Amino acid sequence: MKNFDVALNGACSININTSADEEKELAILFLDIRNFTGLMEAQPGQVVINVVRRLFTAFNQIIKNFQGKVVEIAGDNLYAVFGLQTGIREAANNAYQATKAIFQTVGMFNEAYAEPFYGGPLEIGIGLHTGKVFVGEFGLDGTSNLTVMGLPVNIAARLQAKTKDLNNDLLISEEAYSLLESDRDSFPAQTINLQGVSYGQQIRLAGKPYNNGKYLNGGGQDFDYLLAISG
């Protein structure tokens, strides 16, 4: 394994790992907080940011509990992969179970906190896909981070973006759905076109409509649950 640094105008260095990226079949999850701008308008920005950070900490713990890894958090978006240490079938099922736990946590948050604090529910959209990607490390200023690149990553991101157009907060690609061991016949199928993808993508509408005025069932638990799992 060889590494070298490239200086760019003296501003920073790029730490490049010259060993070949590893090709792996992974489950890929993209998550977005849908009404983040509205939350920022409803309360002081720092308060909302602190709440969102606490939620993302909880999401990260859930993902870790199901053997996944968060690749990146940017603003109100989260991107994670499953299968770095498991086979693809287990990875897809772990990703799906993590997704269900994330929605449950959002439901608890809404029931205990969002309604009295914001006057309305926080909503998220998730896209879930599987496929072969390239896994490696890339970093700026001497720090290397996990990178996962390939068309399946783009498709997962586009699925998350499409949740709003289809008014369904969870879209699962047929590739990922075919690997699931539960709920195999529960979700309607649809073929859609995704921006930047030249062929139609068959997906499953696995979530609920947005803005329906109802909170997810929190099972009688309260915000203490969120505090506990997020540390």
Protein backbone atom coordinates (compact mmCIF):
# COMPACT_ATOMS: atom_id res chain seq x y z
CA MET A 1 0.00 0.00 0.00
CA LYS A 2 1.41 3.38 -1.02
CA ASN A 3 0.31 6.88 -0.08
CA PHE A 4 1.49 10.24 -1.33
CA ASP A 5 0.49 13.87 -0.74
CA VAL A 6 -0.19 16.35 -3.51
CA ALA A 7 0.18 20.01 -2.59
CA LEU A 8 -2.28 22.38 -4.24
CA ASN A 9 -1.11 26.01 -4.14
CA GLY A 10 0.04 25.46 -0.60
CA ALA A 11 -3.57 25.55 0.61
CA CYS A 12 -4.12 21.91 1.47
CA SER A 13 -2.91 18.41 0.73
CA ILE A 14 -4.83 15.47 -0.63
CA ASN A 15 -3.92 12.14 0.93
CA ILE A 16 -4.31 9.62 -1.89
CA ASN A 17 -4.27 5.90 -1.20
CA THR A 18 -2.82 4.36 -4.37
CA SER A 19 -4.03 0.82 -3.65
CA ALA A 20 -7.02 -0.20 -5.76
CA ASP A 21 -10.46 0.43 -4.39
CA GLU A 22 -12.29 -2.74 -3.36
CA GLU A 23 -15.45 -3.64 -5.22
CA LYS A 24 -18.20 -4.78 -2.87
CA GLU A 25 -21.93 -5.32 -3.06
CA LEU A 26 -23.53 -3.11 -0.42
CA ALA A 27 -26.90 -1.87 0.73
CA ILE A 28 -27.04 1.92 0.50
CA LEU A 29 -29.33 4.20 2.50
CA PHE A 30 -29.93 7.91 1.91
CA LEU A 31 -31.99 9.94 4.40
CA ASP A 32 -33.24 13.52 4.24
CA ILE A 33 -35.17 15.64 6.75
CA ARG A 34 -37.95 16.97 4.57
CA ASN A 35 -39.21 20.04 6.46
CA PHE A 36 -35.88 21.29 7.79
CA THR A 37 -36.40 24.83 6.46
CA GLY A 38 -39.79 25.03 8.17
CA LEU A 39 -38.25 23.92 11.44
CA MET A 40 -35.59 26.60 11.12
CA GLU A 41 -38.30 29.20 10.60
CA ALA A 42 -40.35 28.01 13.57
CA GLN A 43 -37.60 28.20 16.20
CA PRO A 44 -34.15 29.79 16.70
CA GLY A 45 -31.68 28.16 14.33
CA GLN A 46 -29.25 26.95 16.99
CA VAL A 47 -32.05 25.21 18.88
CA VAL A 48 -33.18 23.35 15.76
CA ILE A 49 -29.62 22.42 14.81
CA ASN A 50 -29.03 20.96 18.26
CA VAL A 51 -32.21 18.89 18.00
CA VAL A 52 -31.28 17.64 14.51
CA ARG A 53 -27.80 16.73 15.74
CA ARG A 54 -29.37 14.72 18.55
CA LEU A 55 -31.59 12.94 16.04
CA PHE A 56 -28.66 12.16 13.75
CA THR A 57 -26.74 10.82 16.75
CA ALA A 58 -29.65 8.49 17.38
CA PHE A 59 -29.79 7.48 13.71
CA ASN A 60 -26.06 6.76 13.75
CA GLN A 61 -26.44 4.50 16.77
CA ILE A 62 -29.29 2.61 15.10
CA ILE A 63 -27.22 2.16 11.93
CA LYS A 64 -24.25 0.88 13.97
CA ASN A 65 -26.56 -1.52 15.85
CA PHE A 66 -27.47 -3.07 12.49
CA GLN A 67 -23.83 -3.35 11.34
CA GLY A 68 -23.97 -0.32 9.08
CA LYS A 69 -21.72 2.70 8.81
CA VAL A 70 -22.54 6.34 8.20
CA VAL A 71 -20.41 7.59 5.31
CA GLU A 72 -21.43 11.23 5.44
CA ILE A 73 -23.73 13.71 7.17
CA ALA A 74 -24.27 17.02 5.39
CA GLY A 75 -26.80 19.51 6.71
CA ASP A 76 -30.12 17.66 6.88
CA ASN A 77 -28.91 14.61 4.89
CA LEU A 78 -27.40 11.32 5.99
CA TYR A 79 -25.78 8.61 3.84
CA ALA A 80 -24.95 5.12 5.16
CA VAL A 81 -23.90 1.71 3.85
CA PHE A 82 -24.42 -1.85 5.09
CA GLY A 83 -22.43 -4.95 4.17
CA LEU A 84 -18.83 -3.97 4.80
CA GLN A 85 -18.49 -7.08 6.98
CA THR A 86 -21.50 -9.17 5.85
CA GLY A 87 -23.02 -10.65 2.73
CA ILE A 88 -25.45 -8.67 0.65
CA ARG A 89 -28.62 -10.45 1.80
CA GLU A 90 -27.83 -9.79 5.45
CA ALA A 91 -26.81 -6.24 4.55
CA ALA A 92 -30.13 -5.52 2.81
CA ASN A 93 -32.12 -6.91 5.73
CA ASN A 94 -30.03 -4.98 8.24
CA ALA A 95 -30.56 -1.78 6.25
CA TYR A 96 -34.31 -2.36 6.15
CA GLN A 97 -34.50 -3.09 9.88
CA ALA A 98 -32.44 0.03 10.60
CA THR A 99 -34.81 2.03 8.41
CA LYS A 100 -37.82 0.81 10.38
CA ALA A 101 -36.08 1.70 13.66
CA ILE A 102 -35.26 5.18 12.33
CA PHE A 103 -38.90 5.80 11.41
CA GLN A 104 -39.96 4.55 14.83
CA THR A 105 -37.55 6.97 16.48
CA VAL A 106 -38.89 9.86 14.39
CA GLY A 107 -42.40 8.84 15.45
CA MET A 108 -41.41 8.93 19.12
CA PHE A 109 -39.76 12.29 18.62
CA ASN A 110 -42.87 13.70 16.98
CA GLU A 111 -45.19 12.37 19.64
CA ALA A 112 -43.12 13.60 22.57
CA TYR A 113 -41.44 16.70 21.22
CA ALA A 114 -42.30 18.00 17.74
CA GLU A 115 -46.01 18.61 18.35
CA PRO A 116 -45.66 20.76 21.49
CA PHE A 117 -42.44 22.41 20.30
CA TYR A 118 -43.03 22.99 16.61
CA GLY A 119 -46.77 22.45 16.23
CA GLY A 120 -46.26 19.77 13.61
CA PRO A 121 -44.40 16.55 12.79
CA LEU A 122 -40.85 16.24 11.52
CA GLU A 123 -40.79 14.17 8.34
CA ILE A 124 -37.99 12.23 6.66
CA GLY A 125 -37.52 10.55 3.30
CA ILE A 126 -35.38 7.45 2.76
CA GLY A 127 -34.14 5.72 -0.39
CA LEU A 128 -32.75 2.18 -0.12
CA HIS A 129 -30.84 0.35 -2.85
CA THR A 130 -28.24 -2.40 -3.29
CA GLY A 131 -25.46 -2.86 -5.81
CA LYS A 132 -21.76 -3.21 -6.53
CA VAL A 133 -19.72 -0.16 -5.58
CA PHE A 134 -16.10 0.77 -5.08
CA VAL A 135 -14.98 1.19 -1.47
CA GLY A 136 -11.78 3.00 -0.55
CA GLU A 137 -10.31 5.90 1.37
CA PHE A 138 -9.86 9.51 0.35
CA GLY A 139 -9.05 12.53 2.44
CA LEU A 140 -8.13 16.18 2.53
CA ASP A 141 -5.53 17.74 4.82
CA GLY A 142 -4.06 14.38 5.76
CA THR A 143 -7.28 12.80 7.07
CA SER A 144 -8.55 9.73 5.25
CA ASN A 145 -12.25 8.86 5.26
CA LEU A 146 -14.32 6.00 3.91
CA THR A 147 -15.55 6.63 0.37
CA VAL A 148 -18.14 4.60 -1.52
CA MET A 149 -18.65 5.40 -5.18
CA GLY A 150 -20.60 3.98 -8.10
CA LEU A 151 -23.91 4.14 -9.91
CA PRO A 152 -25.82 2.37 -7.08
CA VAL A 153 -24.91 5.28 -4.78
CA ASN A 154 -26.41 7.73 -7.26
CA ILE A 155 -29.54 5.62 -7.61
CA ALA A 156 -30.03 5.44 -3.83
CA ALA A 157 -29.68 9.22 -3.60
CA ARG A 158 -32.16 9.72 -6.46
CA LEU A 159 -34.64 7.37 -4.78
CA GLN A 160 -34.52 9.47 -1.63
CA ALA A 161 -35.14 12.60 -3.68
CA LYS A 162 -38.04 10.91 -5.47
CA THR A 163 -39.91 10.19 -2.23
CA LYS A 164 -41.38 13.68 -2.30
CA ASP A 165 -42.56 13.44 -5.92
CA LEU A 166 -44.26 10.11 -5.22
CA ASN A 167 -45.59 11.24 -1.81
CA ASN A 168 -44.14 8.18 -0.13
CA ASP A 169 -41.45 8.50 2.52
CA LEU A 170 -39.65 5.18 1.84
CA LEU A 171 -38.68 3.91 -1.61
CA ILE A 172 -36.89 0.56 -1.95
CA SER A 173 -35.38 -0.58 -5.23
CA GLU A 174 -36.51 -3.94 -6.56
CA GLU A 175 -32.91 -5.18 -6.20
CA ALA A 176 -32.97 -4.48 -2.46
CA TYR A 177 -36.56 -5.63 -2.03
CA SER A 178 -35.83 -9.03 -3.58
CA LEU A 179 -33.34 -9.72 -0.77
CA LEU A 180 -35.70 -8.96 2.12
CA GLU A 181 -36.84 -11.85 4.29
CA SER A 182 -39.98 -10.10 5.61
CA ASP A 183 -42.79 -7.98 4.12
CA ARG A 184 -42.08 -9.57 0.75
CA ASP A 185 -45.62 -9.05 -0.56
CA SER A 186 -46.59 -5.90 1.28
CA PHE A 187 -45.44 -3.07 -0.96
CA PRO A 188 -46.80 -2.06 -4.37
CA ALA A 189 -44.38 -2.00 -7.29
CA GLN A 190 -43.88 0.87 -9.72
CA THR A 191 -41.42 1.68 -12.50
CA ILE A 192 -40.05 5.21 -12.37
CA ASN A 193 -37.48 7.36 -14.11
CA LEU A 194 -34.69 8.86 -12.04
CA GLN A 195 -32.78 12.00 -12.91
CA GLY A 196 -29.45 11.15 -14.54
CA VAL A 197 -30.26 7.43 -14.93
CA SER A 198 -30.91 6.35 -18.51
CA TYR A 199 -33.17 3.38 -17.77
CA GLY A 200 -36.35 2.91 -15.77
CA GLN A 201 -36.00 1.78 -12.18
CA GLN A 202 -38.47 -0.64 -10.61
CA ILE A 203 -39.14 0.29 -7.01
CA ARG A 204 -41.43 -0.57 -4.10
CA LEU A 205 -43.50 2.08 -2.34
CA ALA A 206 -42.67 0.97 1.19
CA GLY A 207 -43.55 4.03 3.27
CA LYS A 208 -46.40 6.42 4.04
CA PRO A 209 -47.62 9.65 2.42
CA TYR A 210 -46.21 12.95 3.59
CA ASN A 211 -48.23 15.67 5.29
CA ASN A 212 -51.14 13.45 6.24
CA GLY A 213 -51.57 15.09 9.64
CA LYS A 214 -50.86 11.90 11.54
CA TYR A 215 -47.91 10.98 13.70
CA LEU A 216 -46.17 7.65 13.47
CA ASN A 217 -47.07 5.37 16.33
CA GLY A 218 -44.54 5.89 19.10
CA GLY A 219 -45.73 2.91 21.11
CA GLY A 220 -46.34 4.99 24.23
CA GLN A 221 -42.67 5.83 24.70
CA ASP A 222 -41.34 9.38 25.07
CA PHE A 223 -38.38 11.58 24.31
CA ASP A 224 -36.30 9.87 27.00
CA TYR A 225 -35.88 6.99 24.52
CA LEU A 226 -34.20 9.33 22.03
CA LEU A 227 -31.97 10.76 24.73
CA ALA A 228 -30.97 7.27 25.86
CA ILE A 229 -30.03 5.80 22.48
CA SER A 230 -28.20 8.94 21.35
CA GLY A 231 -26.08 9.17 24.48
